[in-house]
Amino acid sequence: DGGSGETAPPQSADRSEEDDAQMSLTDAVERLERMMIEQALRATGGVQAQAAKRLRITERKLQTRIKKYKIKPSQYSSEE
C-alpha cells in the first residue's frame, strides 16, 4: 500500500477543482437536471409532452421541474 489509490476527477474547462469541491451533490444534480430539461425543450421546440418523453419522465414531473427552475418553455418554441 504505497498510495491512496485516489485520482483526481477530470476538470471541465469552465470550472476549477476548488469550485467542484464546494458544490454540494444537490446543487450538482439540480444543475444537470436543469441543463437536460433545457436541452430537451430546445430539441422539441418547446413541446413539453415530447420533452418529457425524451427525458423519460411524466409530463407532470417535467412541469414541476420547469416551475422549480423558472424555465420558460415558450422561449424554446419554434413559433415566433
Protein backbone atom coordinates (compact mmCIF):
# COMPACT_ATOMS: atom_id res chain seq x y z
CA ASP A 1 0.00 0.00 0.00
CA GLY A 2 2.19 2.78 -1.28
CA GLY A 3 -0.53 5.34 -2.02
CA SER A 4 -4.13 6.18 -1.50
CA GLY A 5 -5.13 4.98 -4.97
CA GLU A 6 -7.23 8.09 -5.50
CA THR A 7 -7.09 10.01 -8.73
CA ALA A 8 -8.41 13.49 -9.31
CA PRO A 9 -11.57 13.73 -11.42
CA PRO A 10 -11.17 15.43 -14.78
CA GLN A 11 -11.83 19.15 -14.68
CA SER A 12 -14.14 20.96 -17.03
CA ALA A 13 -12.76 23.99 -18.82
CA ASP A 14 -15.07 26.49 -17.13
CA ARG A 15 -14.78 25.32 -13.52
CA SER A 16 -11.89 24.81 -11.18
CA GLU A 17 -11.31 21.86 -8.87
CA GLU A 18 -11.94 24.21 -5.93
CA ASP A 19 -15.41 25.08 -7.29
CA ASP A 20 -16.23 21.36 -7.61
CA ALA A 21 -15.24 20.74 -4.01
CA GLN A 22 -17.58 23.48 -2.80
CA MET A 23 -20.60 22.39 -4.85
CA SER A 24 -22.98 20.10 -2.99
CA LEU A 25 -24.38 16.96 -4.56
CA THR A 26 -27.83 18.57 -4.53
CA ASP A 27 -26.52 21.62 -6.41
CA ALA A 28 -24.76 19.43 -8.96
CA VAL A 29 -27.88 17.31 -9.55
CA GLU A 30 -30.06 20.42 -9.93
CA ARG A 31 -27.61 21.96 -12.37
CA LEU A 32 -27.57 18.81 -14.51
CA GLU A 33 -31.34 18.41 -14.31
CA ARG A 34 -31.94 21.99 -15.47
CA MET A 35 -29.45 21.59 -18.31
CA MET A 36 -31.10 18.36 -19.51
CA ILE A 37 -34.58 19.90 -19.37
CA GLU A 38 -33.42 22.91 -21.37
CA GLN A 39 -31.76 20.66 -23.96
CA ALA A 40 -34.92 18.56 -24.30
CA LEU A 41 -37.10 21.66 -24.71
CA ARG A 42 -34.69 23.06 -27.29
CA ALA A 43 -34.71 19.78 -29.23
CA THR A 44 -38.52 19.60 -29.22
CA GLY A 45 -39.23 23.25 -30.00
CA GLY A 46 -40.64 23.76 -26.50
CA VAL A 47 -43.20 20.93 -26.75
CA GLN A 48 -43.38 19.68 -23.17
CA ALA A 49 -45.01 16.32 -23.97
CA GLN A 50 -42.17 15.45 -26.35
CA ALA A 51 -39.53 16.79 -23.97
CA ALA A 52 -40.92 14.61 -21.16
CA LYS A 53 -40.74 11.54 -23.41
CA ARG A 54 -37.13 12.34 -24.32
CA LEU A 55 -36.29 12.65 -20.63
CA ARG A 56 -38.31 9.52 -19.77
CA ILE A 57 -40.33 11.33 -17.11
CA THR A 58 -44.02 12.18 -16.86
CA GLU A 59 -45.32 15.49 -18.15
CA ARG A 60 -46.40 16.34 -14.62
CA LYS A 61 -42.85 15.84 -13.30
CA LEU A 62 -41.48 17.96 -16.13
CA GLN A 63 -43.96 20.74 -15.37
CA THR A 64 -42.99 20.61 -11.69
CA ARG A 65 -39.28 20.93 -12.59
CA ILE A 66 -39.99 23.72 -15.10
CA LYS A 67 -41.73 25.66 -12.33
CA LYS A 68 -38.95 24.88 -9.82
CA TYR A 69 -36.21 26.17 -12.13
CA LYS A 70 -38.34 29.02 -13.52
CA ILE A 71 -37.81 27.80 -17.09
CA LYS A 72 -39.95 29.40 -19.81
CA PRO A 73 -40.77 26.66 -22.37
CA SER A 74 -42.13 29.30 -24.77
CA GLN A 75 -38.61 30.63 -25.31
CA TYR A 76 -37.75 27.30 -26.93
CA SER A 77 -40.78 27.36 -29.23
CA SER A 78 -40.07 27.39 -32.93
CA GLU A 79 -43.13 29.59 -33.46
CA GLU A 80 -42.46 33.31 -33.40
